[in-house]
PDB file of N, CA and C in Angstrom:
ATOM      1  N   MET A   1     106.975  99.347 107.752  1.00  0.00           N
ATOM      2  CA  MET A   1     107.087  99.072 106.464  1.00  0.00           C
ATOM      3  C   MET A   1     106.142  99.880 105.481  1.00  0.00           C
ATOM      4  N   HIS A   2     106.821 100.818 104.739  1.00  0.00           N
ATOM      5  CA  HIS A   2     106.215 101.754 103.865  1.00  0.00           C
ATOM      6  C   HIS A   2     105.385 101.310 102.752  1.00  0.00           C
ATOM      7  N   GLU A   3     105.957 100.180 102.406  1.00  0.00           N
ATOM      8  CA  GLU A   3     105.227  99.154 101.286  1.00  0.00           C
ATOM      9  C   GLU A   3     103.663  98.920 101.538  1.00  0.00           C
ATOM     10  N   MET A   4     103.495  98.753 102.722  1.00  0.00           N
ATOM     11  CA  MET A   4     101.890  98.483 103.131  1.00  0.00           C
ATOM     12  C   MET A   4     101.156  99.729 102.714  1.00  0.00           C
ATOM     13  N   SER A   5     101.685 100.977 103.283  1.00  0.00           N
ATOM     14  CA  SER A   5     100.852 102.079 102.711  1.00  0.00           C
ATOM     15  C   SER A   5     100.552 102.326 101.382  1.00  0.00           C
ATOM     16  N   ILE A   6     101.716 101.979 100.546  1.00  0.00           N
ATOM     17  CA  ILE A   6     101.580 101.985  99.069  1.00  0.00           C
ATOM     18  C   ILE A   6     100.719 100.959  98.749  1.00  0.00           C
ATOM     19  N   ALA A   7     100.831  99.812  99.082  1.00  0.00           N
ATOM     20  CA  ALA A   7      99.715  98.666  98.655  1.00  0.00           C
ATOM     21  C   ALA A   7      98.344  98.982  99.094  1.00  0.00           C
ATOM     22  N   VAL A   8      98.180  99.729 100.032  1.00  0.00           N
ATOM     23  CA  VAL A   8      96.739 100.018 100.345  1.00  0.00           C
ATOM     24  C   VAL A   8      96.426 101.127  99.414  1.00  0.00           C
ATOM     25  N   GLU A   9      97.075 102.124  99.213  1.00  0.00           N
ATOM     26  CA  GLU A   9      96.595 103.145  98.091  1.00  0.00           C
ATOM     27  C   GLU A   9      96.591 102.497  96.958  1.00  0.00           C
ATOM     28  N   LEU A  10      97.246 101.514  96.575  1.00  0.00           N
ATOM     29  CA  LEU A  10      97.074 100.921  94.830  1.00  0.00           C
ATOM     30  C   LEU A  10      95.666 100.045  95.163  1.00  0.00           C
ATOM     31  N   ILE A  11      95.314  99.549  96.111  1.00  0.00           N
ATOM     32  CA  ILE A  11      94.074  98.539  96.255  1.00  0.00           C
ATOM     33  C   ILE A  11      92.951  99.672  96.139  1.00  0.00           C
ATOM     34  N   ARG A  12      93.000 100.818  96.575  1.00  0.00           N
ATOM     35  CA  ARG A  12      91.949 101.955  96.518  1.00  0.00           C
ATOM     36  C   ARG A  12      91.889 102.318  95.224  1.00  0.00           C
ATOM     37  N   ARG A  13      92.874 102.696  94.458  1.00  0.00           N
ATOM     38  CA  ARG A  13      93.102 103.340  93.195  1.00  0.00           C
ATOM     39  C   ARG A  13      92.408 102.013  92.271  1.00  0.00           C
ATOM     40  N   LEU A  14      92.780 100.894  92.402  1.00  0.00           N
ATOM     41  CA  LEU A  14      92.393  99.800  91.689  1.00  0.00           C
ATOM     42  C   LEU A  14      90.903  99.621  91.739  1.00  0.00           C
ATOM     43  N   GLU A  15      90.274  99.694  93.025  1.00  0.00           N
ATOM     44  CA  GLU A  15      88.839  99.457  93.039  1.00  0.00           C
ATOM     45  C   GLU A  15      88.424 100.607  92.564  1.00  0.00           C
ATOM     46  N   GLU A  16      88.803 102.042  92.729  1.00  0.00           N
ATOM     47  CA  GLU A  16      87.893 103.092  91.676  1.00  0.00           C
ATOM     48  C   GLU A  16      87.904 102.542  90.325  1.00  0.00           C
ATOM     49  N   LEU A  17      89.263 102.099  89.643  1.00  0.00           N
ATOM     50  CA  LEU A  17      89.199 101.915  88.314  1.00  0.00           C
ATOM     51  C   LEU A  17      88.164 100.964  87.900  1.00  0.00           C
ATOM     52  N   ALA A  18      88.269  99.783  88.624  1.00  0.00           N
ATOM     53  CA  ALA A  18      86.996  98.678  88.325  1.00  0.00           C
ATOM     54  C   ALA A  18      85.689  99.324  88.387  1.00  0.00           C
ATOM     55  N   VAL A  19      85.660 100.259  89.354  1.00  0.00           N
ATOM     56  CA  VAL A  19      84.079 100.450  89.313  1.00  0.00           C
ATOM     57  C   VAL A  19      83.821 101.318  88.076  1.00  0.00           C
ATOM     58  N   GLU A  20      84.715 102.243  87.433  1.00  0.00           N
ATOM     59  CA  GLU A  20      84.616 103.222  86.472  1.00  0.00           C
ATOM     60  C   GLU A  20      84.522 102.246  85.212  1.00  0.00           C
ATOM     61  N   HIS A  21      85.282 101.035  85.044  1.00  0.00           N
ATOM     62  CA  HIS A  21      85.327 100.163  84.013  1.00  0.00           C
ATOM     63  C   HIS A  21      84.343  99.182  83.906  1.00  0.00           C
ATOM     64  N   GLY A  22      83.732  99.038  85.001  1.00  0.00           N
ATOM     65  CA  GLY A  22      82.603  97.861  85.171  1.00  0.00           C
ATOM     66  C   GLY A  22      83.350  96.519  85.078  1.00  0.00           C
ATOM     67  N   LEU A  23      84.504  96.434  85.981  1.00  0.00           N
ATOM     68  CA  LEU A  23      85.125  95.285  86.160  1.00  0.00           C
ATOM     69  C   LEU A  23      85.142  94.482  87.460  1.00  0.00           C
ATOM     70  N   LEU A  24      84.540  93.200  87.206  1.00  0.00           N
ATOM     71  CA  LEU A  24      84.424  92.418  88.568  1.00  0.00           C
ATOM     72  C   LEU A  24      85.712  92.078  89.283  1.00  0.00           C
ATOM     73  N   ARG A  25      86.473  92.034  88.464  1.00  0.00           N
ATOM     74  CA  ARG A  25      88.181  91.920  89.149  1.00  0.00           C
ATOM     75  C   ARG A  25      89.216  92.577  88.153  1.00  0.00           C
ATOM     76  N   VAL A  26      90.453  92.558  89.149  1.00  0.00           N
ATOM     77  CA  VAL A  26      91.559  93.081  88.482  1.00  0.00           C
ATOM     78  C   VAL A  26      92.475  91.831  88.588  1.00  0.00           C
ATOM     79  N   GLU A  27      92.933  91.658  87.002  1.00  0.00           N
ATOM     80  CA  GLU A  27      93.920  90.302  87.007  1.00  0.00           C
ATOM     81  C   GLU A  27      95.430  90.586  87.005  1.00  0.00           C
ATOM     82  N   ALA A  28      95.670  91.893  86.454  1.00  0.00           N
ATOM     83  CA  ALA A  28      96.840  92.619  86.610  1.00  0.00           C
ATOM     84  C   ALA A  28      97.361  93.702  86.338  1.00  0.00           C
ATOM     85  N   PHE A  29      98.494  94.499  86.826  1.00  0.00           N
ATOM     86  CA  PHE A  29      98.566  95.706  86.683  1.00  0.00           C
ATOM     87  C   PHE A  29      99.959  96.132  86.859  1.00  0.00           C
ATOM     88  N   THR A  30     100.452  97.387  86.196  1.00  0.00           N
ATOM     89  CA  THR A  30     101.820  97.851  86.502  1.00  0.00           C
ATOM     90  C   THR A  30     102.189  98.682  86.946  1.00  0.00           C
ATOM     91  N   VAL A  31     102.961  98.910  87.864  1.00  0.00           N
ATOM     92  CA  VAL A  31     103.483 100.400  88.478  1.00  0.00           C
ATOM     93  C   VAL A  31     104.603 100.749  88.008  1.00  0.00           C
ATOM     94  N   ARG A  32     104.963 102.016  87.928  1.00  0.00           N
ATOM     95  CA  ARG A  32     106.290 102.489  87.873  1.00  0.00           C
ATOM     96  C   ARG A  32     106.600 103.320  89.047  1.00  0.00           C
ATOM     97  N   ALA A  33     107.766 103.121  89.510  1.00  0.00           N
ATOM     98  CA  ALA A  33     108.050 103.605  90.909  1.00  0.00           C
ATOM     99  C   ALA A  33     109.472 104.089  90.869  1.00  0.00           C
ATOM    100  N   GLY A  34     109.807 105.345  91.375  1.00  0.00           N
ATOM    101  CA  GLY A  34     111.353 105.803  91.307  1.00  0.00           C
ATOM    102  C   GLY A  34     112.100 104.956  92.390  1.00  0.00           C
ATOM    103  N   VAL A  35     113.461 104.833  91.814  1.00  0.00           N
ATOM    104  CA  VAL A  35     114.382 104.367  92.841  1.00  0.00           C
ATOM    105  C   VAL A  35     114.434 105.211  94.192  1.00  0.00           C
ATOM    106  N   LEU A  36     114.223 106.384  94.102  1.00  0.00           N
ATOM    107  CA  LEU A  36     114.192 107.310  95.223  1.00  0.00           C
ATOM    108  C   LEU A  36     113.007 107.019  96.362  1.00  0.00           C
ATOM    109  N   ARG A  37     111.985 106.397  96.104  1.00  0.00           N
ATOM    110  CA  ARG A  37     111.085 105.941  97.147  1.00  0.00           C
ATOM    111  C   ARG A  37     111.659 104.709  97.864  1.00  0.00           C
ATOM    112  N   GLY A  38     112.553 103.967  97.412  1.00  0.00           N
ATOM    113  CA  GLY A  38     113.164 103.066  98.256  1.00  0.00           C
ATOM    114  C   GLY A  38     112.292 101.771  98.472  1.00  0.00           C
ATOM    115  N   ILE A  39     111.403 101.433  97.406  1.00  0.00           N
ATOM    116  CA  ILE A  39     110.659 100.096  97.429  1.00  0.00           C
ATOM    117  C   ILE A  39     111.331  98.942  97.612  1.00  0.00           C
ATOM    118  N   VAL A  40     111.116  97.880  98.189  1.00  0.00           N
ATOM    119  CA  VAL A  40     111.537  96.723  98.247  1.00  0.00           C
ATOM    120  C   VAL A  40     110.538  96.137  97.330  1.00  0.00           C
ATOM    121  N   PRO A  41     111.068  95.410  96.300  1.00  0.00           N
ATOM    122  CA  PRO A  41     109.897  94.905  95.686  1.00  0.00           C
ATOM    123  C   PRO A  41     109.295  93.671  96.140  1.00  0.00           C
ATOM    124  N   GLU A  42     109.779  92.733  96.796  1.00  0.00           N
ATOM    125  CA  GLU A  42     109.346  91.833  97.812  1.00  0.00           C
ATOM    126  C   GLU A  42     108.463  92.021  98.593  1.00  0.00           C
ATOM    127  N   ALA A  43     108.879  93.260  99.475  1.00  0.00           N
ATOM    128  CA  ALA A  43     108.125  93.471 100.352  1.00  0.00           C
ATOM    129  C   ALA A  43     106.669  94.382  99.986  1.00  0.00           C
ATOM    130  N   LEU A  44     106.940  94.744  99.028  1.00  0.00           N
ATOM    131  CA  LEU A  44     105.538  95.359  98.090  1.00  0.00           C
ATOM    132  C   LEU A  44     104.681  94.349  97.764  1.00  0.00           C
ATOM    133  N   ASP A  45     105.271  93.240  97.154  1.00  0.00           N
ATOM    134  CA  ASP A  45     104.453  91.788  96.676  1.00  0.00           C
ATOM    135  C   ASP A  45     103.815  91.263  97.852  1.00  0.00           C
ATOM    136  N   MET A  46     104.353  91.312  98.849  1.00  0.00           N
ATOM    137  CA  MET A  46     103.717  90.613 100.403  1.00  0.00           C
ATOM    138  C   MET A  46     102.808  91.650 100.707  1.00  0.00           C
ATOM    139  N   ALA A  47     103.011  92.610 100.776  1.00  0.00           N
ATOM    140  CA  ALA A  47     102.049  93.785 101.179  1.00  0.00           C
ATOM    141  C   ALA A  47     100.657  93.972 100.549  1.00  0.00           C
ATOM    142  N   PHE A  48     101.147  93.733  99.281  1.00  0.00           N
ATOM    143  CA  PHE A  48      99.767  93.703  98.235  1.00  0.00           C
ATOM    144  C   PHE A  48      98.775  92.790  98.360  1.00  0.00           C
ATOM    145  N   GLU A  49      99.613  91.452  98.385  1.00  0.00           N
ATOM    146  CA  GLU A  49      98.826  90.175  98.504  1.00  0.00           C
ATOM    147  C   GLU A  49      98.116  90.150  99.837  1.00  0.00           C
ATOM    148  N   GLU A  50      98.485  90.754 101.148  1.00  0.00           N
ATOM    149  CA  GLU A  50      97.606  91.025 102.219  1.00  0.00           C
ATOM    150  C   GLU A  50      96.650  92.057 102.048  1.00  0.00           C
ATOM    151  N   ALA A  51      97.078  92.984 101.295  1.00  0.00           N
ATOM    152  CA  ALA A  51      96.122  94.265 101.412  1.00  0.00           C
ATOM    153  C   ALA A  51      95.028  93.875 100.482  1.00  0.00           C
ATOM    154  N   ALA A  52      95.208  92.940  99.327  1.00  0.00           N
ATOM    155  CA  ALA A  52      94.254  92.726  98.337  1.00  0.00           C
ATOM    156  C   ALA A  52      93.251  91.753  98.626  1.00  0.00           C
ATOM    157  N   ARG A  53      93.203  90.977  99.771  1.00  0.00           N
ATOM    158  CA  ARG A  53      92.408  89.878 100.084  1.00  0.00           C
ATOM    159  C   ARG A  53      91.108  90.445 100.276  1.00  0.00           C
ATOM    160  N   GLY A  54      90.159  89.836  99.701  1.00  0.00           N
ATOM    161  CA  GLY A  54      88.816  90.326  99.658  1.00  0.00           C
ATOM    162  C   GLY A  54      88.453  91.372  98.984  1.00  0.00           C
ATOM    163  N   THR A  55      89.124  91.682  98.086  1.00  0.00           N
ATOM    164  CA  THR A  55      89.095  92.926  97.056  1.00  0.00           C
ATOM    165  C   THR A  55      89.028  92.596  95.729  1.00  0.00           C
ATOM    166  N   VAL A  56      88.684  93.298  94.672  1.00  0.00           N
ATOM    167  CA  VAL A  56      88.732  92.960  93.477  1.00  0.00           C
ATOM    168  C   VAL A  56      89.938  92.800  92.835  1.00  0.00           C
ATOM    169  N   ALA A  57      91.010  93.102  93.659  1.00  0.00           N
ATOM    170  CA  ALA A  57      92.403  92.802  93.133  1.00  0.00           C
ATOM    171  C   ALA A  57      93.159  91.513  94.030  1.00  0.00           C
ATOM    172  N   GLU A  58      92.376  90.784  94.501  1.00  0.00           N
ATOM    173  CA  GLU A  58      92.909  89.536  95.193  1.00  0.00           C
ATOM    174  C   GLU A  58      93.529  88.655  93.950  1.00  0.00           C
ATOM    175  N   GLY A  59      94.453  88.185  94.341  1.00  0.00           N
ATOM    176  CA  GLY A  59      95.100  87.264  93.257  1.00  0.00           C
ATOM    177  C   GLY A  59      95.894  87.794  91.981  1.00  0.00           C
ATOM    178  N   ALA A  60      95.359  89.281  91.906  1.00  0.00           N
ATOM    179  CA  ALA A  60      96.150  90.210  90.695  1.00  0.00           C
ATOM    180  C   ALA A  60      97.523  89.986  90.710  1.00  0.00           C
ATOM    181  N   LYS A  61      98.168  90.030  89.321  1.00  0.00           N
ATOM    182  CA  LYS A  61      99.553  90.023  89.301  1.00  0.00           C
ATOM    183  C   LYS A  61     100.404  91.243  89.314  1.00  0.00           C
ATOM    184  N   LEU A  62     101.090  91.814  90.144  1.00  0.00           N
ATOM    185  CA  LEU A  62     101.743  93.054  90.109  1.00  0.00           C
ATOM    186  C   LEU A  62     102.913  93.075  89.535  1.00  0.00           C
ATOM    187  N   THR A  63     103.189  94.009  88.462  1.00  0.00           N
ATOM    188  CA  THR A  63     104.342  94.304  87.939  1.00  0.00           C
ATOM    189  C   THR A  63     104.891  95.531  88.259  1.00  0.00           C
ATOM    190  N   LEU A  64     106.155  95.538  88.977  1.00  0.00           N
ATOM    191  CA  LEU A  64     106.868  96.826  89.362  1.00  0.00           C
ATOM    192  C   LEU A  64     108.009  97.161  88.242  1.00  0.00           C
ATOM    193  N   GLU A  65     108.133  98.145  87.829  1.00  0.00           N
ATOM    194  CA  GLU A  65     108.813  98.892  87.111  1.00  0.00           C
ATOM    195  C   GLU A  65     110.055 100.058  88.028  1.00  0.00           C
ATOM    196  N   ILE A  66     111.143  99.868  88.201  1.00  0.00           N
ATOM    197  CA  ILE A  66     111.747 100.892  88.876  1.00  0.00           C
ATOM    198  C   ILE A  66     112.430 101.852  87.967  1.00  0.00           C
ATOM    199  N   THR A  67     112.534 103.097  87.818  1.00  0.00           N
ATOM    200  CA  THR A  67     113.034 104.199  87.243  1.00  0.00           C
ATOM    201  C   THR A  67     114.060 104.608  88.077  1.00  0.00           C
ATOM    202  N   PRO A  68     115.437 105.002  87.189  1.00  0.00           N
ATOM    203  CA  PRO A  68     116.491 105.504  87.849  1.00  0.00           C
ATOM    204  C   PRO A  68     116.224 107.249  88.357  1.00  0.00           C
ATOM    205  N   ALA A  69     116.941 107.868  89.339  1.00  0.00           N
ATOM    206  CA  ALA A  69     116.748 108.982  89.604  1.00  0.00           C
ATOM    207  C   ALA A  69     117.570 109.870  88.586  1.00  0.00           C
ATOM    208  N   ARG A  70     116.766 111.128  88.205  1.00  0.00           N
ATOM    209  CA  ARG A  70     117.370 111.965  87.208  1.00  0.00           C
ATOM    210  C   ARG A  70     117.244 113.345  88.064  1.00  0.00           C
ATOM    211  N   ALA A  71     118.258 114.354  87.919  1.00  0.00           N
ATOM    212  CA  ALA A  71     118.045 115.539  88.424  1.00  0.00           C
ATOM    213  C   ALA A  71     118.362 116.576  87.450  1.00  0.00           C
ATOM    214  N   ARG A  72     118.004 117.857  87.854  1.00  0.00           N
ATOM    215  CA  ARG A  72     118.604 119.072  87.158  1.00  0.00           C
ATOM    216  C   ARG A  72     118.896 120.274  88.277  1.00  0.00           C
ATOM    217  N   CYS A  73     120.196 120.701  87.840  1.00  0.00           N
ATOM    218  CA  CYS A  73     120.785 121.801  88.721  1.00  0.00           C
ATOM    219  C   CYS A  73     120.055 122.858  88.533  1.00  0.00           C
ATOM    220  N   ARG A  74     119.596 123.481  89.611  1.00  0.00           N
ATOM    221  CA  ARG A  74     118.941 124.779  89.471  1.00  0.00           C
ATOM    222  C   ARG A  74     119.794 126.023  89.203  1.00  0.00           C
ATOM    223  N   LEU A  75     120.881 125.844  89.473  1.00  0.00           N
ATOM    224  CA  LEU A  75     121.857 126.789  89.215  1.00  0.00           C
ATOM    225  C   LEU A  75     122.551 127.025  88.020  1.00  0.00           C
ATOM    226  N   CYS A  76     122.910 125.804  87.629  1.00  0.00           N
ATOM    227  CA  CYS A  76     123.858 125.671  86.416  1.00  0.00           C
ATOM    228  C   CYS A  76     122.601 124.999  85.040  1.00  0.00           C
ATOM    229  N   ASN A  77     121.720 124.386  85.586  1.00  0.00           N
ATOM    230  CA  ASN A  77     120.651 123.748  84.486  1.00  0.00           C
ATOM    231  C   ASN A  77     121.371 122.354  84.004  1.00  0.00           C
ATOM    232  N   GLU A  78     122.567 121.656  84.813  1.00  0.00           N
ATOM    233  CA  GLU A  78     123.010 120.498  84.222  1.00  0.00           C
ATOM    234  C   GLU A  78     122.214 119.282  84.678  1.00  0.00           C
ATOM    235  N   PRO A  79     121.791 118.529  83.891  1.00  0.00           N
ATOM    236  CA  PRO A  79     120.973 117.342  84.019  1.00  0.00           C
ATOM    237  C   PRO A  79     122.103 116.234  84.294  1.00  0.00           C
ATOM    238  N   PHE A  80     121.487 115.369  85.600  1.00  0.00           N
ATOM    239  CA  PHE A  80     122.598 114.235  85.902  1.00  0.00           C
ATOM    240  C   PHE A  80     121.687 113.483  86.685  1.00  0.00           C
ATOM    241  N   ALA A  81     122.488 112.318  87.042  1.00  0.00           N
ATOM    242  CA  ALA A  81     121.849 111.179  87.945  1.00  0.00           C
ATOM    243  C   ALA A  81     122.305 111.339  89.304  1.00  0.00           C
ATOM    244  N   PRO A  82     121.606 111.740  90.121  1.00  0.00           N
ATOM    245  CA  PRO A  82     122.018 111.679  91.467  1.00  0.00           C
ATOM    246  C   PRO A  82     122.343 110.417  92.303  1.00  0.00           C
ATOM    247  N   THR A  83     122.470 110.118  93.393  1.00  0.00           N
ATOM    248  CA  THR A  83     122.848 109.049  94.059  1.00  0.00           C
ATOM    249  C   THR A  83     121.759 109.359  95.404  1.00  0.00           C
ATOM    250  N   VAL A  84     121.647 108.197  95.841  1.00  0.00           N
ATOM    251  CA  VAL A  84     120.851 108.333  97.148  1.00  0.00           C
ATOM    252  C   VAL A  84     121.315 109.031  98.161  1.00  0.00           C
ATOM    253  N   ASP A  85     122.734 109.143  98.223  1.00  0.00           N
ATOM    254  CA  ASP A  85     123.252 110.018  99.253  1.00  0.00           C
ATOM    255  C   ASP A  85     124.270 111.035  98.646  1.00  0.00           C
ATOM    256  N   SER A  86     123.804 111.573  97.564  1.00  0.00           N
ATOM    257  CA  SER A  86     124.656 112.616  97.058  1.00  0.00           C
ATOM    258  C   SER A  86     123.581 113.374  96.031  1.00  0.00           C
ATOM    259  N   TYR A  87     123.325 114.417  96.214  1.00  0.00           N
ATOM    260  CA  TYR A  87     122.655 115.521  95.301  1.00  0.00           C
ATOM    261  C   TYR A  87     123.568 116.421  94.785  1.00  0.00           C
ATOM    262  N   LEU A  88     124.819 116.570  94.787  1.00  0.00           N
ATOM    263  CA  LEU A  88     125.733 117.387  94.252  1.00  0.00           C
ATOM    264  C   LEU A  88     125.788 117.287  92.711  1.00  0.00           C
ATOM    265  N   CYS A  89     125.602 118.555  92.013  1.00  0.00           N
ATOM    266  CA  CYS A  89     125.803 118.649  90.633  1.00  0.00           C
ATOM    267  C   CYS A  89     127.277 118.437  90.171  1.00  0.00           C
ATOM    268  N   PRO A  90     127.612 117.516  89.186  1.00  0.00           N
ATOM    269  CA  PRO A  90     128.873 117.510  88.928  1.00  0.00           C
ATOM    270  C   PRO A  90     129.446 118.321  87.942  1.00  0.00           C
ATOM    271  N   ARG A  91     128.739 119.250  87.604  1.00  0.00           N
ATOM    272  CA  ARG A  91     129.357 120.742  86.964  1.00  0.00           C
ATOM    273  C   ARG A  91     129.834 121.718  87.893  1.00  0.00           C
ATOM    274  N   CYS A  92     128.722 122.017  88.770  1.00  0.00           N
ATOM    275  CA  CYS A  92     129.155 123.311  89.727  1.00  0.00           C
ATOM    276  C   CYS A  92     129.343 122.992  91.047  1.00  0.00           C
ATOM    277  N   ASN A  93     129.044 121.621  91.669  1.00  0.00           N
ATOM    278  CA  ASN A  93     129.284 121.065  92.630  1.00  0.00           C
ATOM    279  C   ASN A  93     128.369 121.500  93.706  1.00  0.00           C
ATOM    280  N   GLN A  94     127.134 122.132  93.277  1.00  0.00           N
ATOM    281  CA  GLN A  94     126.144 122.675  94.322  1.00  0.00           C
ATOM    282  C   GLN A  94     125.170 121.485  94.395  1.00  0.00           C
ATOM    283  N   ALA A  95     124.137 121.643  95.829  1.00  0.00           N
ATOM    284  CA  ALA A  95     123.278 120.616  95.764  1.00  0.00           C
ATOM    285  C   ALA A  95     122.059 121.390  95.554  1.00  0.00           C
ATOM    286  N   ASP A  96     121.539 122.171  94.917  1.00  0.00           N
ATOM    287  CA  ASP A  96     120.262 122.826  94.722  1.00  0.00           C
ATOM    288  C   ASP A  96     119.606 122.111  93.416  1.00  0.00           C
ATOM    289  N   VAL A  97     118.890 121.339  93.546  1.00  0.00           N
ATOM    290  CA  VAL A  97     118.488 120.420  92.330  1.00  0.00           C
ATOM    291  C   VAL A  97     117.035 120.336  92.358  1.00  0.00           C
ATOM    292  N   GLU A  98     116.481 119.993  91.282  1.00  0.00           N
ATOM    293  CA  GLU A  98     115.164 119.634  91.012  1.00  0.00           C
ATOM    294  C   GLU A  98     115.177 118.518  90.727  1.00  0.00           C
ATOM    295  N   ILE A  99     114.279 117.294  91.337  1.00  0.00           N
ATOM    296  CA  ILE A  99     114.327 115.987  91.029  1.00  0.00           C
ATOM    297  C   ILE A  99     113.290 115.805  89.636  1.00  0.00           C
ATOM    298  N   VAL A 100     113.829 115.255  88.451  1.00  0.00           N
ATOM    299  CA  VAL A 100     113.058 115.390  87.317  1.00  0.00           C
ATOM    300  C   VAL A 100     112.230 114.001  87.305  1.00  0.00           C
ATOM    301  N   GLU A 101     112.991 112.954  87.624  1.00  0.00           N
ATOM    302  CA  GLU A 101     112.479 111.595  87.643  1.00  0.00           C
ATOM    303  C   GLU A 101     113.144 110.673  88.595  1.00  0.00           C
ATOM    304  N   GLY A 102     112.406 109.843  89.009  1.00  0.00           N
ATOM    305  CA  GLY A 102     112.949 108.752  90.231  1.00  0.00           C
ATOM    306  C   GLY A 102     112.113 108.742  91.678  1.00  0.00           C
ATOM    307  N   ASN A 103     111.295 109.688  91.752  1.00  0.00           N
ATOM    308  CA  ASN A 103     110.462 110.082  93.000  1.00  0.00           C
ATOM    309  C   ASN A 103     108.883 109.498  93.014  1.00  0.00           C
ATOM    310  N   GLU A 104     108.546 109.232  91.677  1.00  0.00           N
ATOM    311  CA  GLU A 104     106.945 108.922  91.343  1.00  0.00           C
ATOM    312  C   GLU A 104     106.658 107.572  91.538  1.00  0.00           C
ATOM    313  N   ILE A 105     105.359 107.480  91.750  1.00  0.00           N
ATOM    314  CA  ILE A 105     104.611 106.198  91.887  1.00  0.00           C
ATOM    315  C   ILE A 105     103.321 106.247  90.521  1.00  0.00           C
ATOM    316  N   LEU A 106     103.603 105.681  89.627  1.00  0.00           N
ATOM    317  CA  LEU A 106     102.565 105.517  88.954  1.00  0.00           C
ATOM    318  C   LEU A 106     101.960 104.545  88.283  1.00  0.00           C
ATOM    319  N   LEU A 107     100.685 104.233  88.289  1.00  0.00           N
ATOM    320  CA  LEU A 107      99.736 103.161  87.912  1.00  0.00           C
ATOM    321  C   LEU A 107      99.806 103.390  86.403  1.00  0.00           C
ATOM    322  N   LEU A 108     100.652 102.227  85.788  1.00  0.00           N
ATOM    323  CA  LEU A 108     100.627 102.425  84.378  1.00  0.00           C
ATOM    324  C   LEU A 108      99.744 101.712  83.259  1.00  0.00           C
ATOM    325  N   SER A 109      99.110 100.423  83.868  1.00  0.00           N
ATOM    326  CA  SER A 109      98.345  99.752  83.251  1.00  0.00           C
ATOM    327  C   SER A 109      97.374  98.922  84.176  1.00  0.00           C
ATOM    328  N   LEU A 110      96.396  98.282  83.683  1.00  0.00           N
ATOM    329  CA  LEU A 110      95.459  97.547  84.316  1.00  0.00           C
ATOM    330  C   LEU A 110      94.910  96.576  83.621  1.00  0.00           C
ATOM    331  N   GLU A 111      94.687  95.378  83.801  1.00  0.00           N
ATOM    332  CA  GLU A 111      94.083  94.554  83.281  1.00  0.00           C
ATOM    333  C   GLU A 111      92.939  93.808  83.966  1.00  0.00           C
ATOM    334  N   GLY A 112      91.524  93.396  83.388  1.00  0.00           N
ATOM    335  CA  GLY A 112      90.631  93.025  84.660  1.00  0.00           C
ATOM    336  C   GLY A 112      89.661  92.245  83.716  1.00  0.00           C
ATOM    337  N   ALA A 113      88.682  91.917  84.420  1.00  0.00           N
ATOM    338  CA  ALA A 113      87.502  90.850  83.915  1.00  0.00           C
ATOM    339  C   ALA A 113      86.416  91.540  84.261  1.00  0.00           C
ATOM    340  N   SER A 114      85.317  91.624  83.238  1.00  0.00           N
ATOM    341  CA  SER A 114      84.064  92.042  83.690  1.00  0.00           C
ATOM    342  C   SER A 114      82.945  91.084  83.977  1.00  0.00           C
ATOM    343  N   THR A 115      83.352  89.763  83.865  1.00  0.00           N
ATOM    344  CA  THR A 115      82.533  88.757  84.176  1.00  0.00           C
ATOM    345  C   THR A 115      83.481  87.654  85.244  1.00  0.00           C
ATOM    346  N   ASN A 116      82.739  86.602  85.615  1.00  0.00           N
ATOM    347  CA  ASN A 116      83.214  85.924  86.295  1.00  0.00           C
ATOM    348  C   ASN A 116      83.957  84.639  85.750  1.00  0.00           C
ATOM    349  N   GLU A 117      83.972  84.477  84.497  1.00  0.00           N
ATOM    350  CA  GLU A 117      84.409  83.701  83.942  1.00  0.00           C
ATOM    351  C   GLU A 117      85.847  83.623  83.973  1.00  0.00           C
ATOM    352  N   ASP A 118      86.637  82.286  83.656  1.00  0.00           N
ATOM    353  CA  ASP A 118      87.824  82.591  83.974  1.00  0.00           C
ATOM    354  C   ASP A 118      88.588  81.972  82.495  1.00  0.00           C
TER     355      ASP A 118
END
């Protein structure tokens, strides 16, 4: 399950940001991930919950936004939406593409608390 490695990396980054911003805990955060990453949202939720135990992010609410895939043909410059199993340009029928969007994982926002007050 690659969601666990993603969750572990998210925890690492959240802990860094908590230290940078003087946060005692992370309460919520938003992640944008491209559809080409193949993330199963429920699996990421479970992996994050497990990985977050005993960290500043334990109990934090994860919001996941999935972005569609966008590509640009390197031969004719046509922008298009590839599918997971087809990268053929609809204009020139070639598969020489640059992925413009849909393969990213970005931490978009973070909410936290700097005191132990609820």
